[in-house]
Amino acid sequence: MFKATNGLIGAINFIIFLISIPILGGGIWLSTKANTDCLRFLQWPIIIIGLCLMVLSLAGFVGACYRISWLLWLYLFLMFFVIVALVGFTIFAFAVTSRGSGRPMMNRAYYDYSLSDYSGWLKDRVSDPEYWEKIVSCIRDAKVCQKMGRYYGYMPETADEFYRRHLSPIEMGD
């Protein structure tokens, strides 16, 4: 039983190691090609996630395949902290966005979102001119506004057609 469990742990960690290679490579590639604030912001989290996955999977793989118990304990300990960090991040994300569900608007298919509905931390972050410039830069780089326009033949959609569309909070622009 112990041998089969170690083999399974080793196999899973080997697969995770293989997955971490393109993640790390993508982060490194992004760091060489980053020409916008959005891409520069993403490069380090991607590199750190790739490195963490690589180190953790190597520890689990080597510990399981060579039956090094202290390495498996280290792997278990680090995985516990990774899981706690992910749960903490999820709770934080729900806490800062929980009240921002939007309100229905008359004669509109989309909801009205207001910054005042969100947590104080998020309001302060979005209303800070330094951060707002980065947010605008990301929206501009993603061409969100250009992608919103719809044409029927060569004619743009009318205002009434636009108001009947289901828009995301970013598209709604509030």
N, C-alpha and C. Protein backbone atom coordinates (compact mmCIF):
# COMPACT_ATOMS: atom_id res chain seq x y z
N MET A 1 0.83 -1.19 0.00
CA MET A 1 0.00 0.00 0.00
C MET A 1 0.87 1.25 0.00
N PHE A 2 1.92 1.26 0.81
CA PHE A 2 2.79 2.43 0.92
C PHE A 2 3.48 2.71 -0.41
N LYS A 3 3.88 1.65 -1.11
CA LYS A 3 4.57 1.79 -2.39
C LYS A 3 3.63 2.38 -3.44
N ALA A 4 2.38 1.93 -3.49
CA ALA A 4 1.42 2.44 -4.46
C ALA A 4 1.11 3.91 -4.19
N THR A 5 0.98 4.29 -2.94
CA THR A 5 0.70 5.67 -2.59
C THR A 5 1.87 6.57 -2.99
N ASN A 6 3.08 6.15 -2.72
CA ASN A 6 4.25 6.93 -3.11
C ASN A 6 4.33 7.07 -4.63
N GLY A 7 4.01 6.00 -5.34
CA GLY A 7 4.02 6.07 -6.80
C GLY A 7 3.00 7.05 -7.33
N LEU A 8 1.81 7.06 -6.73
CA LEU A 8 0.76 7.98 -7.14
C LEU A 8 1.17 9.43 -6.84
N ILE A 9 1.70 9.66 -5.65
CA ILE A 9 2.17 11.02 -5.29
C ILE A 9 3.28 11.45 -6.24
N GLY A 10 4.20 10.54 -6.54
CA GLY A 10 5.28 10.85 -7.47
C GLY A 10 4.76 11.18 -8.86
N ALA A 11 3.81 10.40 -9.35
CA ALA A 11 3.25 10.62 -10.69
C ALA A 11 2.51 11.95 -10.77
N ILE A 12 1.70 12.24 -9.78
CA ILE A 12 0.96 13.51 -9.76
C ILE A 12 1.93 14.69 -9.73
N ASN A 13 2.96 14.59 -8.90
CA ASN A 13 3.92 15.69 -8.81
C ASN A 13 4.77 15.82 -10.07
N PHE A 14 5.03 14.72 -10.76
CA PHE A 14 5.75 14.81 -12.03
C PHE A 14 4.91 15.54 -13.06
N ILE A 15 3.61 15.26 -13.10
CA ILE A 15 2.71 15.96 -14.02
C ILE A 15 2.65 17.45 -13.67
N ILE A 16 2.56 17.75 -12.37
CA ILE A 16 2.54 19.16 -11.96
C ILE A 16 3.85 19.85 -12.32
N PHE A 17 4.97 19.14 -12.20
CA PHE A 17 6.26 19.69 -12.61
C PHE A 17 6.24 20.03 -14.10
N LEU A 18 5.72 19.11 -14.91
CA LEU A 18 5.65 19.37 -16.35
C LEU A 18 4.75 20.57 -16.66
N ILE A 19 3.67 20.72 -15.91
CA ILE A 19 2.77 21.87 -16.10
C ILE A 19 3.45 23.17 -15.68
N SER A 20 4.31 23.11 -14.67
CA SER A 20 4.97 24.33 -14.19
C SER A 20 5.97 24.89 -15.19
N ILE A 21 6.50 24.05 -16.06
CA ILE A 21 7.50 24.51 -17.04
C ILE A 21 6.90 25.54 -18.00
N PRO A 22 5.75 25.28 -18.65
CA PRO A 22 5.21 26.33 -19.53
C PRO A 22 4.73 27.56 -18.76
N ILE A 23 4.27 27.38 -17.52
CA ILE A 23 3.86 28.53 -16.73
C ILE A 23 5.06 29.43 -16.46
N LEU A 24 6.15 28.85 -16.00
CA LEU A 24 7.37 29.61 -15.74
C LEU A 24 7.91 30.21 -17.04
N GLY A 25 7.92 29.42 -18.10
CA GLY A 25 8.37 29.92 -19.40
C GLY A 25 7.51 31.07 -19.90
N GLY A 26 6.20 30.98 -19.68
CA GLY A 26 5.30 32.06 -20.07
C GLY A 26 5.58 33.34 -19.30
N GLY A 27 5.86 33.21 -18.00
CA GLY A 27 6.19 34.39 -17.20
C GLY A 27 7.50 35.02 -17.63
N ILE A 28 8.49 34.19 -17.95
CA ILE A 28 9.78 34.71 -18.42
C ILE A 28 9.61 35.36 -19.79
N TRP A 29 8.87 34.70 -20.67
CA TRP A 29 8.61 35.29 -21.99
C TRP A 29 7.89 36.62 -21.85
N LEU A 30 6.90 36.67 -20.94
CA LEU A 30 6.15 37.89 -20.71
C LEU A 30 7.05 39.01 -20.22
N SER A 31 8.04 38.67 -19.39
CA SER A 31 8.94 39.71 -18.88
C SER A 31 9.81 40.30 -19.98
N THR A 32 10.05 39.55 -21.05
CA THR A 32 10.84 40.09 -22.16
C THR A 32 9.99 40.86 -23.14
N LYS A 33 8.70 40.56 -23.20
CA LYS A 33 7.80 41.18 -24.17
C LYS A 33 6.86 42.20 -23.56
N ALA A 34 6.89 42.39 -22.25
CA ALA A 34 5.93 43.28 -21.59
C ALA A 34 6.14 44.71 -22.03
N ASN A 35 5.14 45.28 -22.68
CA ASN A 35 5.22 46.66 -23.11
C ASN A 35 4.06 47.51 -22.58
N THR A 36 3.21 46.91 -21.77
CA THR A 36 2.11 47.65 -21.15
C THR A 36 2.13 47.39 -19.64
N ASP A 37 1.43 48.26 -18.91
CA ASP A 37 1.34 48.09 -17.45
C ASP A 37 0.68 46.78 -17.08
N CYS A 38 -0.32 46.36 -17.85
CA CYS A 38 -1.02 45.10 -17.54
C CYS A 38 -0.08 43.92 -17.63
N LEU A 39 0.68 43.87 -18.71
CA LEU A 39 1.60 42.76 -18.89
C LEU A 39 2.71 42.79 -17.85
N ARG A 40 3.23 43.98 -17.53
CA ARG A 40 4.27 44.08 -16.51
C ARG A 40 3.74 43.65 -15.15
N PHE A 41 2.48 43.94 -14.89
CA PHE A 41 1.87 43.56 -13.62
C PHE A 41 1.76 42.04 -13.52
N LEU A 42 1.46 41.38 -14.62
CA LEU A 42 1.24 39.93 -14.60
C LEU A 42 2.52 39.11 -14.60
N GLN A 43 3.63 39.66 -15.08
CA GLN A 43 4.83 38.83 -15.26
C GLN A 43 5.32 38.23 -13.96
N TRP A 44 5.42 39.00 -12.88
CA TRP A 44 5.97 38.46 -11.63
C TRP A 44 5.06 37.46 -10.94
N PRO A 45 3.75 37.70 -10.86
CA PRO A 45 2.90 36.64 -10.29
C PRO A 45 2.99 35.33 -11.06
N ILE A 46 3.07 35.39 -12.38
CA ILE A 46 3.16 34.17 -13.18
C ILE A 46 4.48 33.46 -12.93
N ILE A 47 5.57 34.22 -12.87
CA ILE A 47 6.88 33.63 -12.60
C ILE A 47 6.90 33.00 -11.21
N ILE A 48 6.36 33.68 -10.22
CA ILE A 48 6.35 33.17 -8.84
C ILE A 48 5.48 31.91 -8.74
N ILE A 49 4.32 31.92 -9.39
CA ILE A 49 3.46 30.72 -9.37
C ILE A 49 4.17 29.56 -10.04
N GLY A 50 4.81 29.80 -11.18
CA GLY A 50 5.54 28.74 -11.87
C GLY A 50 6.67 28.17 -11.03
N LEU A 51 7.45 29.06 -10.37
CA LEU A 51 8.55 28.60 -9.52
C LEU A 51 8.04 27.81 -8.32
N CYS A 52 6.98 28.32 -7.69
CA CYS A 52 6.42 27.61 -6.52
C CYS A 52 5.92 26.22 -6.92
N LEU A 53 5.20 26.14 -8.03
CA LEU A 53 4.73 24.83 -8.49
C LEU A 53 5.90 23.90 -8.78
N MET A 54 6.94 24.45 -9.41
CA MET A 54 8.09 23.63 -9.76
C MET A 54 8.80 23.10 -8.51
N VAL A 55 9.06 23.97 -7.54
CA VAL A 55 9.77 23.56 -6.33
C VAL A 55 8.93 22.57 -5.52
N LEU A 56 7.64 22.88 -5.36
CA LEU A 56 6.76 21.99 -4.60
C LEU A 56 6.65 20.62 -5.26
N SER A 57 6.46 20.61 -6.57
CA SER A 57 6.31 19.32 -7.25
C SER A 57 7.61 18.53 -7.22
N LEU A 58 8.75 19.20 -7.32
CA LEU A 58 10.03 18.49 -7.20
C LEU A 58 10.20 17.88 -5.81
N ALA A 59 9.84 18.65 -4.79
CA ALA A 59 9.94 18.12 -3.42
C ALA A 59 9.04 16.90 -3.24
N GLY A 60 7.80 16.99 -3.74
CA GLY A 60 6.89 15.85 -3.63
C GLY A 60 7.34 14.67 -4.45
N PHE A 61 7.85 14.92 -5.64
CA PHE A 61 8.30 13.84 -6.52
C PHE A 61 9.51 13.12 -5.93
N VAL A 62 10.53 13.89 -5.55
CA VAL A 62 11.74 13.28 -5.00
C VAL A 62 11.45 12.58 -3.68
N GLY A 63 10.66 13.23 -2.82
CA GLY A 63 10.31 12.63 -1.54
C GLY A 63 9.54 11.33 -1.68
N ALA A 64 8.62 11.29 -2.64
CA ALA A 64 7.82 10.07 -2.84
C ALA A 64 8.62 8.97 -3.52
N CYS A 65 9.36 9.31 -4.54
CA CYS A 65 10.08 8.28 -5.31
C CYS A 65 11.27 7.71 -4.55
N TYR A 66 11.95 8.53 -3.78
CA TYR A 66 13.14 8.06 -3.04
C TYR A 66 12.86 7.83 -1.56
N ARG A 67 11.59 7.91 -1.19
CA ARG A 67 11.14 7.66 0.19
C ARG A 67 11.93 8.48 1.21
N ILE A 68 12.04 9.76 0.95
CA ILE A 68 12.71 10.68 1.87
C ILE A 68 11.62 11.34 2.70
N SER A 69 11.44 10.85 3.90
CA SER A 69 10.29 11.27 4.70
C SER A 69 10.35 12.75 5.08
N TRP A 70 11.55 13.29 5.39
CA TRP A 70 11.61 14.71 5.78
C TRP A 70 11.22 15.61 4.61
N LEU A 71 11.50 15.18 3.38
CA LEU A 71 11.13 15.96 2.20
C LEU A 71 9.62 15.90 1.98
N LEU A 72 9.03 14.74 2.26
CA LEU A 72 7.57 14.64 2.17
C LEU A 72 6.88 15.49 3.24
N TRP A 73 7.48 15.54 4.43
CA TRP A 73 6.92 16.40 5.47
C TRP A 73 7.03 17.89 5.08
N LEU A 74 8.16 18.26 4.50
CA LEU A 74 8.33 19.63 4.01
C LEU A 74 7.31 19.93 2.92
N TYR A 75 7.13 18.99 2.01
CA TYR A 75 6.14 19.12 0.94
C TYR A 75 4.74 19.30 1.53
N LEU A 76 4.39 18.48 2.49
CA LEU A 76 3.09 18.57 3.15
C LEU A 76 2.91 19.91 3.84
N PHE A 77 3.93 20.36 4.55
CA PHE A 77 3.91 21.63 5.26
C PHE A 77 3.72 22.79 4.29
N LEU A 78 4.49 22.80 3.19
CA LEU A 78 4.38 23.88 2.20
C LEU A 78 3.04 23.85 1.47
N MET A 79 2.54 22.66 1.16
CA MET A 79 1.23 22.55 0.52
C MET A 79 0.13 23.08 1.42
N PHE A 80 0.27 22.85 2.73
CA PHE A 80 -0.70 23.39 3.68
C PHE A 80 -0.74 24.91 3.57
N PHE A 81 0.43 25.56 3.51
CA PHE A 81 0.47 27.01 3.42
C PHE A 81 -0.03 27.52 2.07
N VAL A 82 0.22 26.79 1.01
CA VAL A 82 -0.31 27.18 -0.30
C VAL A 82 -1.83 27.12 -0.27
N ILE A 83 -2.39 26.07 0.30
CA ILE A 83 -3.84 25.93 0.37
C ILE A 83 -4.44 27.01 1.26
N VAL A 84 -3.81 27.30 2.38
CA VAL A 84 -4.29 28.37 3.27
C VAL A 84 -4.24 29.71 2.55
N ALA A 85 -3.17 29.96 1.79
CA ALA A 85 -3.05 31.22 1.05
C ALA A 85 -4.14 31.34 -0.01
N LEU A 86 -4.44 30.25 -0.71
CA LEU A 86 -5.50 30.28 -1.72
C LEU A 86 -6.87 30.50 -1.10
N VAL A 87 -7.13 29.85 0.03
CA VAL A 87 -8.40 30.06 0.72
C VAL A 87 -8.48 31.51 1.22
N GLY A 88 -7.38 32.02 1.77
CA GLY A 88 -7.35 33.42 2.24
C GLY A 88 -7.59 34.40 1.11
N PHE A 89 -6.96 34.16 -0.05
CA PHE A 89 -7.17 35.04 -1.20
C PHE A 89 -8.62 34.99 -1.67
N THR A 90 -9.21 33.80 -1.67
CA THR A 90 -10.61 33.66 -2.09
C THR A 90 -11.54 34.40 -1.14
N ILE A 91 -11.31 34.27 0.16
CA ILE A 91 -12.13 34.98 1.15
C ILE A 91 -11.96 36.48 0.98
N PHE A 92 -10.72 36.94 0.78
CA PHE A 92 -10.46 38.36 0.57
C PHE A 92 -11.21 38.87 -0.67
N ALA A 93 -11.14 38.13 -1.77
CA ALA A 93 -11.81 38.54 -3.01
C ALA A 93 -13.32 38.65 -2.81
N PHE A 94 -13.91 37.69 -2.10
CA PHE A 94 -15.34 37.76 -1.83
C PHE A 94 -15.67 38.92 -0.89
N ALA A 95 -14.81 39.18 0.08
CA ALA A 95 -15.07 40.25 1.04
C ALA A 95 -15.06 41.63 0.38
N VAL A 96 -14.14 41.87 -0.55
CA VAL A 96 -14.07 43.21 -1.15
C VAL A 96 -15.08 43.40 -2.27
N THR A 97 -15.67 42.33 -2.79
CA THR A 97 -16.63 42.47 -3.90
C THR A 97 -18.03 41.99 -3.56
N SER A 98 -18.28 41.58 -2.33
CA SER A 98 -19.54 40.90 -1.99
C SER A 98 -20.78 41.77 -2.19
N ARG A 99 -20.68 43.06 -1.94
CA ARG A 99 -21.89 43.89 -2.04
C ARG A 99 -22.09 44.45 -3.45
N GLY A 100 -21.17 44.21 -4.34
CA GLY A 100 -21.23 44.80 -5.68
C GLY A 100 -21.95 43.93 -6.68
N SER A 101 -23.21 43.66 -6.44
CA SER A 101 -23.95 42.76 -7.32
C SER A 101 -24.72 43.50 -8.41
N GLY A 102 -24.85 44.79 -8.30
CA GLY A 102 -25.56 45.57 -9.32
C GLY A 102 -27.05 45.62 -9.06
N ARG A 103 -27.67 46.69 -9.59
CA ARG A 103 -29.11 46.88 -9.45
C ARG A 103 -29.73 46.97 -10.83
N PRO A 104 -30.92 46.39 -10.99
CA PRO A 104 -31.57 46.49 -12.31
C PRO A 104 -31.92 47.94 -12.63
N MET A 105 -31.86 48.28 -13.90
CA MET A 105 -32.21 49.63 -14.36
C MET A 105 -33.44 49.53 -15.26
N MET A 106 -34.26 50.58 -15.21
CA MET A 106 -35.45 50.61 -16.06
C MET A 106 -35.06 50.69 -17.52
N ASN A 107 -35.73 49.92 -18.35
CA ASN A 107 -35.54 49.93 -19.81
C ASN A 107 -34.11 49.58 -20.23
N ARG A 108 -33.41 48.84 -19.38
CA ARG A 108 -32.04 48.42 -19.71
C ARG A 108 -31.92 46.92 -19.40
N ALA A 109 -31.15 46.21 -20.22
CA ALA A 109 -30.93 44.78 -19.99
C ALA A 109 -29.77 44.55 -19.03
N TYR A 110 -28.96 45.57 -18.80
CA TYR A 110 -27.80 45.42 -17.93
C TYR A 110 -28.08 45.99 -16.55
N TYR A 111 -27.21 45.67 -15.60
CA TYR A 111 -27.35 46.16 -14.24
C TYR A 111 -26.50 47.40 -14.03
N ASP A 112 -26.92 48.21 -13.06
CA ASP A 112 -26.17 49.41 -12.69
C ASP A 112 -25.24 49.05 -11.54
N TYR A 113 -23.94 49.24 -11.76
CA TYR A 113 -22.93 48.97 -10.74
C TYR A 113 -22.39 50.30 -10.25
N SER A 114 -22.26 50.42 -8.95
CA SER A 114 -21.75 51.65 -8.37
C SER A 114 -20.56 51.34 -7.47
N LEU A 115 -19.55 52.17 -7.56
CA LEU A 115 -18.35 51.96 -6.76
C LEU A 115 -18.66 52.02 -5.27
N SER A 116 -19.69 52.76 -4.89
CA SER A 116 -20.04 52.86 -3.47
C SER A 116 -20.55 51.54 -2.89
N ASP A 117 -20.92 50.59 -3.76
CA ASP A 117 -21.40 49.29 -3.28
C ASP A 117 -20.27 48.38 -2.81
N TYR A 118 -19.05 48.69 -3.17
CA TYR A 118 -17.92 47.82 -2.86
C TYR A 118 -17.24 48.23 -1.56
N SER A 119 -16.29 47.43 -1.10
CA SER A 119 -15.60 47.67 0.16
C SER A 119 -14.77 48.95 0.09
N GLY A 120 -14.47 49.51 1.26
CA GLY A 120 -13.66 50.72 1.33
C GLY A 120 -12.29 50.53 0.70
N TRP A 121 -11.68 49.36 0.90
CA TRP A 121 -10.35 49.10 0.35
C TRP A 121 -10.40 49.18 -1.18
N LEU A 122 -11.40 48.54 -1.78
CA LEU A 122 -11.50 48.54 -3.23
C LEU A 122 -11.84 49.93 -3.76
N LYS A 123 -12.73 50.64 -3.07
CA LYS A 123 -13.08 52.02 -3.48
C LYS A 123 -11.84 52.90 -3.47
N ASP A 124 -11.05 52.82 -2.40
CA ASP A 124 -9.85 53.64 -2.31
C ASP A 124 -8.86 53.28 -3.41
N ARG A 125 -8.75 52.02 -3.70
CA ARG A 125 -7.81 51.55 -4.71
C ARG A 125 -8.21 52.04 -6.10
N VAL A 126 -9.48 51.91 -6.44
CA VAL A 126 -9.96 52.31 -7.77
C VAL A 126 -9.99 53.83 -7.93
N SER A 127 -10.32 54.54 -6.87
CA SER A 127 -10.41 56.00 -7.00
C SER A 127 -9.05 56.69 -6.90
N ASP A 128 -8.01 56.00 -6.50
CA ASP A 128 -6.66 56.57 -6.48
C ASP A 128 -6.21 56.82 -7.92
N PRO A 129 -5.84 58.06 -8.27
CA PRO A 129 -5.47 58.36 -9.66
C PRO A 129 -4.34 57.49 -10.21
N GLU A 130 -3.38 57.12 -9.38
CA GLU A 130 -2.27 56.29 -9.85
C GLU A 130 -2.77 54.91 -10.29
N TYR A 131 -3.63 54.30 -9.47
CA TYR A 131 -4.16 52.99 -9.83
C TYR A 131 -5.18 53.10 -10.96
N TRP A 132 -5.96 54.18 -10.96
CA TRP A 132 -6.96 54.34 -12.01
C TRP A 132 -6.30 54.43 -13.38
N GLU A 133 -5.17 55.10 -13.47
CA GLU A 133 -4.45 55.18 -14.75
C GLU A 133 -4.04 53.79 -15.23
N LYS A 134 -3.61 52.93 -14.30
CA LYS A 134 -3.24 51.56 -14.67
C LYS A 134 -4.46 50.77 -15.14
N ILE A 135 -5.59 50.97 -14.47
CA ILE A 135 -6.82 50.27 -14.84
C ILE A 135 -7.26 50.71 -16.24
N VAL A 136 -7.24 52.02 -16.47
CA VAL A 136 -7.63 52.55 -17.77
C VAL A 136 -6.69 52.02 -18.86
N SER A 137 -5.41 51.96 -18.54
CA SER A 137 -4.42 51.45 -19.49
C SER A 137 -4.74 50.00 -19.86
N CYS A 138 -5.09 49.18 -18.86
CA CYS A 138 -5.44 47.78 -19.13
C CYS A 138 -6.69 47.67 -19.99
N ILE A 139 -7.69 48.48 -19.69
CA ILE A 139 -8.94 48.45 -20.47
C ILE A 139 -8.67 48.91 -21.90
N ARG A 140 -7.85 49.96 -22.04
CA ARG A 140 -7.50 50.46 -23.37
C ARG A 140 -6.70 49.43 -24.15
N ASP A 141 -5.71 48.80 -23.49
CA ASP A 141 -4.88 47.79 -24.17
C ASP A 141 -5.70 46.58 -24.61
N ALA A 142 -6.72 46.24 -23.84
CA ALA A 142 -7.57 45.10 -24.19
C ALA A 142 -8.62 45.47 -25.25
N LYS A 143 -8.68 46.77 -25.60
CA LYS A 143 -9.62 47.27 -26.61
C LYS A 143 -11.07 46.92 -26.27
N VAL A 144 -11.41 47.08 -24.99
CA VAL A 144 -12.75 46.74 -24.52
C VAL A 144 -13.79 47.60 -25.22
N CYS A 145 -13.55 48.89 -25.33
CA CYS A 145 -14.54 49.79 -25.95
C CYS A 145 -14.70 49.50 -27.44
N GLN A 146 -13.60 49.24 -28.13
CA GLN A 146 -13.68 48.95 -29.56
C GLN A 146 -14.44 47.66 -29.82
N LYS A 147 -14.31 46.70 -28.92
CA LYS A 147 -14.97 45.41 -29.12
C LYS A 147 -16.46 45.46 -28.80
N MET A 148 -16.91 46.54 -28.14
CA MET A 148 -18.31 46.63 -27.76
C MET A 148 -19.22 46.97 -28.93
N GLY A 149 -18.72 47.71 -29.90
CA GLY A 149 -19.56 48.14 -31.02
C GLY A 149 -19.97 46.98 -31.89
N ARG A 150 -21.23 46.95 -32.24
CA ARG A 150 -21.74 45.93 -33.14
C ARG A 150 -22.28 46.59 -34.40
N TYR A 151 -22.06 45.93 -35.50
CA TYR A 151 -22.53 46.42 -36.78
C TYR A 151 -23.42 45.38 -37.42
N TYR A 152 -24.46 45.87 -38.06
CA TYR A 152 -25.37 45.01 -38.81
C TYR A 152 -25.24 45.44 -40.27
N GLY A 153 -24.49 44.65 -41.02
CA GLY A 153 -24.12 45.09 -42.36
C GLY A 153 -23.06 46.18 -42.18
N TYR A 154 -23.37 47.36 -42.67
CA TYR A 154 -22.45 48.49 -42.47
C TYR A 154 -23.02 49.51 -41.49
N MET A 155 -24.15 49.18 -40.88
CA MET A 155 -24.82 50.11 -39.98
C MET A 155 -24.52 49.75 -38.52
N PRO A 156 -24.11 50.75 -37.72
CA PRO A 156 -23.90 50.47 -36.29
C PRO A 156 -25.25 50.26 -35.60
N GLU A 157 -25.20 49.56 -34.49
CA GLU A 157 -26.44 49.31 -33.75
C GLU A 157 -26.99 50.62 -33.20
N THR A 158 -28.29 50.66 -33.00
CA THR A 158 -28.94 51.85 -32.47
C THR A 158 -28.77 51.88 -30.95
N ALA A 159 -29.09 53.02 -30.35
CA ALA A 159 -29.00 53.16 -28.90
C ALA A 159 -29.95 52.19 -28.21
N ASP A 160 -31.16 52.01 -28.76
CA ASP A 160 -32.11 51.07 -28.15
C ASP A 160 -31.60 49.65 -28.19
N GLU A 161 -30.95 49.25 -29.28
CA GLU A 161 -30.37 47.91 -29.36
C GLU A 161 -29.24 47.75 -28.34
N PHE A 162 -28.46 48.79 -28.18
CA PHE A 162 -27.38 48.76 -27.19
C PHE A 162 -27.93 48.60 -25.78
N TYR A 163 -28.98 49.33 -25.46
CA TYR A 163 -29.56 49.28 -24.11
C TYR A 163 -30.19 47.93 -23.80
N ARG A 164 -30.58 47.18 -24.81
CA ARG A 164 -31.17 45.86 -24.60
C ARG A 164 -30.12 44.77 -24.43
N ARG A 165 -28.86 45.11 -24.68
CA ARG A 165 -27.79 44.12 -24.54
C ARG A 165 -27.46 43.89 -23.08
N HIS A 166 -26.98 42.67 -22.78
CA HIS A 166 -26.52 42.34 -21.44
C HIS A 166 -25.03 42.68 -21.37
N LEU A 167 -24.70 43.72 -20.61
CA LEU A 167 -23.33 44.21 -20.53
C LEU A 167 -22.68 43.77 -19.22
N SER A 168 -21.38 43.52 -19.28
CA SER A 168 -20.63 43.20 -18.06
C SER A 168 -20.38 44.49 -17.28
N PRO A 169 -19.99 44.41 -16.02
CA PRO A 169 -19.70 45.63 -15.26
C PRO A 169 -18.63 46.51 -15.92
N ILE A 170 -17.65 45.92 -16.55
CA ILE A 170 -16.61 46.71 -17.22
C ILE A 170 -17.20 47.40 -18.45
N GLU A 171 -18.00 46.69 -19.22
CA GLU A 171 -18.62 47.29 -20.40
C GLU A 171 -19.61 48.39 -20.01
N MET A 172 -20.28 48.21 -18.88
CA MET A 172 -21.25 49.17 -18.41
C MET A 172 -20.56 50.48 -18.03
N GLY A 173 -19.33 50.39 -17.54
CA GLY A 173 -18.51 51.57 -17.32
C GLY A 173 -18.86 52.40 -16.11
N ASP A 174 -19.50 51.83 -15.13
CA ASP A 174 -19.85 52.64 -13.96
C ASP A 174 -18.89 52.41 -12.84
